[in-house]
Amino acid sequence: MARKKTSPATEASPEVPVQGRDRETLGKLAKLADRVVDAAAKERDPHLDVPSRSLTNAHYNRRKRFIEMGDRTNRRELFNLNQARIYMQTLLAGSGCSRLIRQGKSTSIRGLYYLLKHTIEGTKEETFNDQMESDAVIEDLEVIVGAIREELHLAAENRGAMVGLLQFNDSGDDIDCSRLGSGGYSIPSIVEPNRIQFKKCQAKFILHVEKGTVWQRFNEDKFWRKHQCILTHGGGQPPRGVRRLLYRMHHELNLPVYCLLDNDPWGYYIYSVLKQGSINLAFESQRMAIPEAKYVGLRSFDYDRCDLQSNVTIKLNDQDRKRAIQIAKYPWFADKKPWQAEIKKMLDNGFKLEVESLVSKDISYVSETYVPERLAAKDWLD
């Protein structure tokens, strides 16, 4: 005899005590639901005002020195046939995240999609046709309630690592980042204070490098021990967890952040995102951007200064040139003569350079000579 299917609600895990930031986030989600009840009680059409995530609603705040979201909103109404579906999807996502918080559990954004996906009783209508629908709704939910997805207990795959003179507690486990061998600490996507509490820090600064391969060289050479620092990487464009952890260590541990990135438009963009925030995710900048971050290399002038050979250069293509010109016009770069000279030099060179090109000098040139000399001379771009 076939087993009777049960609904997700009957299989829910028991709830746990909610404290700290989780309690605050849960309160924000509850207010979202209360709006529907209040509107019904007043016999008004329920609606949501969703902050616009368009590029035209993001601007650079020169005083704060990061990108922030403007005040434009889009109204989403329950009794508008064109908006009813996404209105209900938004509340459904809020309900799902509330459930995760109350149960003390996390899932991926794909996991939430499957958690919420079902056929509405008495119809053939699916709550979500595909994950693209639910992903967009999650991004809306973040800006509506003013909580980043990590606070909504939505996680992503780990990408990035850390090693150095830092001890902390991660979900009840004590971690010493100076005793984690060649692999280091795998940075999770959720690094909020309710998960990670800093205990002891003997580091004087953070060196963030672009790629894991370069990070491995610094780790193997024990750069972090010799120079009393924390060494991180984000596997290229750093994911939200890495950016958020860098932000927390910078502000809570008062650690300067130095970035070692490739001499190409992509490296410049990565630095821009770390420093000023992302245009597409402007609503997160106030908790992720690090305006005081410094760029220690690689530089366009290093080809001559480090006496590199032409065989380590990579020719710029049309897309590289177009991107470099765009970046030069960013308001946080446009008025800075050193950055203008840097980008112009790269365009004049006609080539780009990867940090790994310094290996042509010596296997440990980047960790034992290049970066130490830059830091000692305070030779960086801001």
Protein backbone atom coordinates (compact mmCIF):
# COMPACT_ATOMS: atom_id res chain seq x y z
CA MET A 1 0.00 0.00 0.00
CA ALA A 2 1.42 3.39 -1.00
CA ARG A 3 2.30 5.77 1.79
CA LYS A 4 0.15 8.85 2.06
CA LYS A 5 1.98 12.00 1.07
CA THR A 6 2.42 14.50 3.86
CA SER A 7 2.66 18.25 3.53
CA PRO A 8 5.88 20.06 4.44
CA ALA A 9 4.15 21.62 7.45
CA THR A 10 3.61 18.25 9.12
CA GLU A 11 7.29 17.37 8.67
CA ALA A 12 8.65 20.63 10.13
CA SER A 13 11.50 20.45 12.61
CA PRO A 14 10.86 21.68 16.16
CA GLU A 15 11.43 25.35 16.86
CA VAL A 16 14.38 26.64 18.89
CA PRO A 17 14.85 29.75 21.04
CA VAL A 18 15.47 32.79 18.83
CA GLN A 19 17.93 35.41 20.08
CA GLY A 20 20.01 38.38 18.97
CA ARG A 21 20.03 39.28 15.29
CA ASP A 22 17.72 36.34 14.47
CA ARG A 23 15.06 37.83 16.73
CA GLU A 24 15.41 41.18 14.96
CA THR A 25 15.15 39.59 11.51
CA LEU A 26 12.17 37.50 12.56
CA GLY A 27 10.49 40.70 13.75
CA LYS A 28 11.01 42.31 10.34
CA LEU A 29 9.42 39.32 8.62
CA ALA A 30 6.50 39.39 11.06
CA LYS A 31 5.88 43.06 10.21
CA LEU A 32 5.72 42.09 6.56
CA ALA A 33 2.91 39.65 7.33
CA ASP A 34 1.20 42.13 9.66
CA ARG A 35 0.81 44.56 6.77
CA VAL A 36 -1.54 42.11 5.06
CA VAL A 37 -3.60 41.63 8.21
CA ASP A 38 -3.76 45.39 8.89
CA ALA A 39 -4.83 46.14 5.32
CA ALA A 40 -7.57 43.51 5.48
CA ALA A 41 -8.80 44.84 8.83
CA LYS A 42 -9.04 48.33 7.32
CA GLU A 43 -10.65 46.95 4.15
CA ARG A 44 -7.79 48.23 2.02
CA ASP A 45 -6.00 46.50 -0.83
CA PRO A 46 -2.81 44.84 0.51
CA HIS A 47 0.38 46.04 -1.18
CA LEU A 48 4.15 46.04 -0.81
CA ASP A 49 6.48 48.89 -1.72
CA VAL A 50 9.62 47.23 -3.08
CA PRO A 51 12.78 49.38 -3.26
CA SER A 52 13.95 49.49 -6.87
CA ARG A 53 17.13 47.50 -7.54
CA SER A 54 17.71 49.17 -10.90
CA LEU A 55 21.02 50.83 -11.80
CA THR A 56 19.24 54.18 -12.00
CA ASN A 57 18.33 53.88 -8.30
CA ALA A 58 21.94 53.45 -7.15
CA HIS A 59 24.36 56.31 -6.58
CA TYR A 60 27.77 56.96 -5.09
CA ASN A 61 27.64 58.72 -1.73
CA ARG A 62 30.81 60.84 -1.66
CA ARG A 63 30.58 61.48 2.08
CA LYS A 64 30.20 57.81 3.01
CA ARG A 65 32.41 56.72 0.08
CA PHE A 66 30.32 53.80 -1.03
CA ILE A 67 27.46 53.02 -3.42
CA GLU A 68 24.01 53.13 -1.89
CA MET A 69 20.45 52.57 -2.98
CA GLY A 70 18.12 55.45 -3.69
CA ASP A 71 14.55 55.88 -2.43
CA ARG A 72 12.62 54.81 -5.53
CA THR A 73 10.11 52.01 -4.99
CA ASN A 74 7.80 49.85 -7.07
CA ARG A 75 4.37 49.06 -5.66
CA ARG A 76 3.27 45.42 -5.69
CA GLU A 77 -0.48 44.85 -5.16
CA LEU A 78 -2.34 41.68 -4.26
CA PHE A 79 -5.48 42.57 -6.22
CA ASN A 80 -3.65 43.51 -9.38
CA LEU A 81 -3.84 40.50 -11.71
CA ASN A 82 -0.40 41.27 -13.13
CA GLN A 83 1.16 41.42 -9.67
CA ALA A 84 -0.83 38.98 -7.55
CA ARG A 85 1.42 36.01 -8.28
CA ILE A 86 4.69 37.72 -7.37
CA TYR A 87 3.02 39.37 -4.36
CA MET A 88 2.07 35.95 -2.98
CA GLN A 89 5.49 34.53 -3.87
CA THR A 90 7.12 37.30 -1.83
CA LEU A 91 5.04 36.49 1.25
CA LEU A 92 5.65 32.79 0.72
CA ALA A 93 9.42 33.38 0.66
CA GLY A 94 9.12 35.47 3.83
CA SER A 95 7.20 32.64 5.48
CA GLY A 96 9.87 30.12 4.42
CA CYS A 97 12.71 32.23 5.83
CA SER A 98 10.77 32.80 9.03
CA ARG A 99 10.41 29.04 9.37
CA LEU A 100 14.17 28.53 8.91
CA ILE A 101 14.99 31.08 11.59
CA ARG A 102 12.50 29.64 14.08
CA GLN A 103 13.92 26.15 13.51
CA GLY A 104 17.52 27.35 13.77
CA LYS A 105 18.34 25.93 10.34
CA SER A 106 19.79 27.23 7.06
CA THR A 107 19.46 26.20 3.44
CA SER A 108 20.65 27.33 0.03
CA ILE A 109 18.56 29.52 -2.21
CA ARG A 110 17.94 26.40 -4.28
CA GLY A 111 16.93 24.57 -1.12
CA LEU A 112 14.40 27.31 -0.34
CA TYR A 113 13.03 26.98 -3.87
CA TYR A 114 12.28 23.29 -3.28
CA LEU A 115 11.03 23.98 0.25
CA LEU A 116 8.40 26.41 -1.11
CA LYS A 117 7.59 24.78 -4.44
CA HIS A 118 4.25 22.99 -4.52
CA THR A 119 1.02 22.85 -6.46
CA ILE A 120 -1.66 25.10 -5.00
CA GLU A 121 -4.50 22.94 -3.72
CA GLY A 122 -7.44 22.68 -6.07
CA THR A 123 -5.49 24.05 -9.03
CA LYS A 124 -2.71 23.12 -11.41
CA GLU A 125 -0.82 26.28 -10.48
CA GLU A 126 2.75 25.95 -9.18
CA THR A 127 4.04 28.38 -6.58
CA PHE A 128 7.24 28.76 -8.62
CA ASN A 129 7.82 27.63 -12.19
CA ASP A 130 11.61 27.66 -11.83
CA GLN A 131 14.38 28.83 -9.51
CA MET A 132 14.88 32.08 -11.41
CA GLU A 133 11.50 33.19 -10.08
CA SER A 134 12.34 32.39 -6.48
CA ASP A 135 15.84 33.92 -6.71
CA ALA A 136 14.38 37.25 -7.85
CA VAL A 137 11.82 37.15 -5.04
CA ILE A 138 14.55 36.49 -2.46
CA GLU A 139 16.45 39.57 -3.68
CA ASP A 140 13.23 41.59 -3.35
CA LEU A 141 12.65 40.22 0.13
CA GLU A 142 16.12 41.33 1.23
CA VAL A 143 15.46 44.97 0.36
CA ILE A 144 11.86 44.96 1.60
CA VAL A 145 12.74 43.84 5.13
CA GLY A 146 16.26 45.32 5.19
CA ALA A 147 18.01 42.03 5.92
CA ILE A 148 20.73 40.41 3.83
CA ARG A 149 20.02 36.85 2.76
CA GLU A 150 22.54 35.45 5.23
CA GLU A 151 20.38 36.89 8.02
CA LEU A 152 17.44 35.12 6.40
CA HIS A 153 19.38 31.85 6.92
CA LEU A 154 20.09 31.40 3.23
CA ALA A 155 23.56 30.06 2.52
CA ALA A 156 25.73 29.52 -0.55
CA GLU A 157 28.65 27.21 -1.27
CA ASN A 158 31.88 28.04 0.52
CA ARG A 159 34.33 29.88 -1.71
CA GLY A 160 37.41 31.50 -0.28
CA ALA A 161 39.84 30.73 2.52
CA MET A 162 41.57 32.38 5.45
CA VAL A 163 44.68 31.74 7.52
CA GLY A 164 46.52 33.84 10.09
CA LEU A 165 46.70 35.14 13.63
CA LEU A 166 43.02 34.99 14.52
CA GLN A 167 40.98 32.83 16.88
CA PHE A 168 37.19 32.74 16.85
CA ASN A 169 34.18 30.60 17.58
CA ASP A 170 32.19 29.22 14.66
CA SER A 171 28.80 27.82 15.66
CA GLY A 172 30.19 26.49 18.94
CA ASP A 173 33.56 25.27 17.60
CA ASP A 174 36.77 27.08 18.54
CA ILE A 175 38.91 27.84 15.47
CA ASP A 176 42.57 28.88 15.48
CA CYS A 177 43.46 30.12 11.99
CA SER A 178 47.17 29.68 12.68
CA ARG A 179 46.76 25.91 13.05
CA LEU A 180 44.82 24.86 9.97
CA GLY A 181 47.61 23.65 7.70
CA SER A 182 47.87 24.24 3.97
CA GLY A 183 44.12 24.44 3.37
CA GLY A 184 43.30 27.11 5.92
CA TYR A 185 39.78 27.94 7.07
CA SER A 186 37.10 27.62 4.40
CA ILE A 187 35.09 30.84 4.64
CA PRO A 188 31.35 30.06 4.82
CA SER A 189 28.68 32.19 3.21
CA ILE A 190 27.04 33.02 6.56
CA VAL A 191 29.51 34.83 8.84
CA GLU A 192 27.12 36.88 10.95
CA PRO A 193 27.79 37.48 14.69
CA ASN A 194 25.35 34.75 15.72
CA ARG A 195 27.59 32.25 13.85
CA ILE A 196 31.09 33.70 14.21
CA GLN A 197 32.38 35.45 17.33
CA PHE A 198 35.93 36.81 17.29
CA LYS A 199 37.97 35.80 20.37
CA LYS A 200 41.65 36.69 19.98
CA CYS A 201 43.39 38.62 17.23
CA GLN A 202 47.14 39.23 17.06
CA ALA A 203 47.10 40.39 13.44
CA LYS A 204 48.06 43.91 12.39
CA PHE A 205 46.34 43.88 9.00
CA ILE A 206 44.54 41.77 6.38
CA LEU A 207 46.06 40.91 3.01
CA HIS A 208 43.36 39.88 0.55
CA VAL A 209 44.59 38.24 -2.65
CA GLU A 210 42.52 37.52 -5.73
CA LYS A 211 43.10 33.81 -6.33
CA GLY A 212 43.59 30.66 -4.33
CA THR A 213 46.83 29.85 -6.17
CA VAL A 214 48.44 33.10 -5.04
CA TRP A 215 47.02 32.65 -1.54
CA GLN A 216 48.66 29.21 -1.43
CA ARG A 217 52.08 30.76 -2.14
CA PHE A 218 51.69 33.25 0.71
CA ASN A 219 50.43 30.54 3.04
CA GLU A 220 53.23 28.12 2.19
CA ASP A 221 55.79 30.89 2.78
CA LYS A 222 54.09 31.67 6.11
CA PHE A 223 53.74 35.32 5.12
CA TRP A 224 50.99 35.75 7.69
CA ARG A 225 53.29 34.64 10.50
CA LYS A 226 56.30 36.73 9.44
CA HIS A 227 54.21 39.87 8.99
CA GLN A 228 51.56 39.29 11.70
CA CYS A 229 48.50 39.38 9.50
CA ILE A 230 45.44 37.53 8.25
CA LEU A 231 45.56 36.20 4.70
CA THR A 232 42.34 35.74 2.69
CA HIS A 233 41.21 35.04 -0.86
CA GLY A 234 37.84 34.96 -2.60
CA GLY A 235 38.49 32.73 -5.59
CA GLY A 236 38.36 35.68 -7.98
CA GLN A 237 35.34 37.94 -7.49
CA PRO A 238 34.84 37.48 -3.72
CA PRO A 239 31.45 36.05 -2.72
CA ARG A 240 29.23 37.76 -0.19
CA GLY A 241 30.54 35.71 2.74
CA VAL A 242 34.13 36.77 2.10
CA ARG A 243 33.17 40.42 1.65
CA ARG A 244 31.07 40.38 4.80
CA LEU A 245 33.84 38.74 6.85
CA LEU A 246 36.41 41.26 5.60
CA TYR A 247 34.00 44.05 6.58
CA ARG A 248 33.51 42.63 10.05
CA MET A 249 37.23 42.10 10.69
CA HIS A 250 38.02 45.60 9.42
CA HIS A 251 35.42 47.30 11.61
CA GLU A 252 35.29 45.07 14.68
CA LEU A 253 39.01 44.25 14.92
CA ASN A 254 40.21 47.58 13.50
CA LEU A 255 42.35 45.87 10.85
CA PRO A 256 43.49 47.66 7.66
CA VAL A 257 42.69 45.79 4.44
CA TYR A 258 45.23 45.58 1.60
CA CYS A 259 44.31 44.02 -1.75
CA LEU A 260 46.71 42.21 -4.09
CA LEU A 261 44.93 41.79 -7.42
CA ASP A 262 45.74 41.28 -11.08
CA ASN A 263 46.73 44.25 -13.23
CA ASP A 264 43.69 44.09 -15.50
CA PRO A 265 40.17 45.58 -15.63
CA TRP A 266 38.81 42.59 -13.70
CA GLY A 267 41.28 43.15 -10.86
CA TYR A 268 40.35 46.84 -10.76
CA TYR A 269 36.67 45.91 -10.65
CA ILE A 270 37.19 43.45 -7.79
CA TYR A 271 38.93 46.20 -5.83
CA SER A 272 36.09 48.58 -6.66
CA VAL A 273 33.48 46.14 -5.31
CA LEU A 274 35.46 45.51 -2.11
CA LYS A 275 35.99 49.21 -1.54
CA GLN A 276 32.81 50.92 -2.75
CA GLY A 277 30.32 48.06 -3.04
CA SER A 278 28.43 46.64 -5.98
CA ILE A 279 26.11 48.73 -8.13
CA ASN A 280 23.71 45.80 -8.57
CA LEU A 281 23.66 45.10 -4.81
CA ALA A 282 23.75 48.69 -3.57
CA PHE A 283 21.44 47.90 -0.66
CA GLU A 284 24.21 45.75 0.88
CA SER A 285 27.05 48.26 0.63
CA GLN A 286 26.62 49.69 4.11
CA ARG A 287 27.45 46.25 5.56
CA MET A 288 30.03 45.08 3.03
CA ALA A 289 31.92 48.00 1.47
CA ILE A 290 35.32 48.94 2.94
CA PRO A 291 36.14 52.49 1.77
CA GLU A 292 39.51 52.40 3.58
CA ALA A 293 40.77 49.35 1.62
CA LYS A 294 44.06 49.90 -0.23
CA TYR A 295 45.30 48.45 -3.54
CA VAL A 296 48.89 47.20 -3.24
CA GLY A 297 49.19 45.70 -6.72
CA LEU A 298 49.77 44.41 -9.30
CA ARG A 299 50.42 47.73 -11.10
CA SER A 300 50.76 48.80 -14.71
CA PHE A 301 54.15 50.35 -13.93
CA ASP A 302 55.48 47.06 -12.55
CA TYR A 303 56.49 45.80 -15.97
CA ASP A 304 59.40 48.27 -15.96
CA ARG A 305 59.83 48.61 -12.22
CA CYS A 306 60.12 44.85 -11.66
CA ASP A 307 62.05 44.32 -14.91
CA LEU A 308 59.56 41.79 -16.26
CA GLN A 309 59.90 40.15 -19.65
CA SER A 310 57.43 40.46 -22.54
CA ASN A 311 56.64 36.74 -22.42
CA VAL A 312 54.63 37.19 -19.19
CA THR A 313 52.31 39.85 -20.62
CA ILE A 314 48.77 39.22 -21.90
CA LYS A 315 47.55 41.39 -24.76
CA LEU A 316 44.49 43.54 -24.04
CA ASN A 317 41.47 42.70 -26.17
CA ASP A 318 38.69 45.09 -27.21
CA GLN A 319 36.53 44.09 -24.26
CA ASP A 320 39.42 44.77 -21.84
CA ARG A 321 39.91 48.24 -23.28
CA LYS A 322 36.21 49.06 -23.16
CA ARG A 323 35.95 47.86 -19.56
CA ALA A 324 39.04 49.83 -18.49
CA ILE A 325 37.60 53.04 -19.96
CA GLN A 326 34.32 52.41 -18.12
CA ILE A 327 36.09 51.84 -14.81
CA ALA A 328 38.15 55.01 -15.25
CA LYS A 329 34.86 56.93 -15.33
CA TYR A 330 33.57 55.50 -12.05
CA PRO A 331 33.10 58.55 -9.76
CA TRP A 332 35.36 57.02 -7.08
CA PHE A 333 38.19 56.71 -9.63
CA ALA A 334 37.46 59.67 -11.91
CA ASP A 335 38.91 62.33 -9.58
CA LYS A 336 41.96 60.34 -8.46
CA LYS A 337 45.04 61.15 -10.53
CA PRO A 338 47.00 58.03 -9.43
CA TRP A 339 44.18 55.77 -10.62
CA GLN A 340 43.83 57.66 -13.87
CA ALA A 341 47.57 57.28 -14.47
CA GLU A 342 47.37 53.58 -13.61
CA ILE A 343 44.58 52.83 -16.07
CA LYS A 344 46.10 55.02 -18.80
CA LYS A 345 49.43 53.22 -18.40
CA MET A 346 47.76 49.84 -18.83
CA LEU A 347 46.01 51.03 -21.99
CA ASP A 348 49.26 52.53 -23.30
CA ASN A 349 51.11 49.29 -22.51
CA GLY A 350 48.55 47.36 -24.52
CA PHE A 351 48.79 44.41 -22.13
CA LYS A 352 47.72 43.19 -18.72
CA LEU A 353 49.65 41.32 -16.02
CA GLU A 354 48.63 38.60 -13.57
CA VAL A 355 50.10 38.46 -10.07
CA GLU A 356 51.49 35.04 -10.97
CA SER A 357 53.74 36.72 -13.56
CA LEU A 358 56.04 37.69 -10.67
CA VAL A 359 56.97 34.02 -10.37
CA SER A 360 59.23 34.68 -13.38
CA LYS A 361 61.43 36.67 -10.97
CA ASP A 362 61.45 34.00 -8.28
CA ILE A 363 58.94 31.51 -6.91
CA SER A 364 58.52 33.57 -3.71
CA TYR A 365 59.24 37.04 -5.12
CA VAL A 366 55.64 38.18 -4.57
CA SER A 367 55.52 37.13 -0.90
CA GLU A 368 59.11 37.85 0.15
CA THR A 369 59.92 40.97 -1.87
CA TYR A 370 57.05 42.59 -3.78
CA VAL A 371 54.34 42.90 -1.11
CA PRO A 372 56.69 43.52 1.87
CA GLU A 373 58.36 46.39 -0.02
CA ARG A 374 55.01 47.89 -1.01
CA LEU A 375 53.70 47.77 2.54
CA ALA A 376 56.91 49.15 4.05
CA ALA A 377 56.93 52.08 1.61
CA LYS A 378 53.15 52.61 1.92
CA ASP A 379 53.14 52.36 -1.86
CA TRP A 380 49.52 51.69 -2.67
CA LEU A 381 46.53 53.15 -4.49
CA ASP A 382 43.50 54.40 -2.56
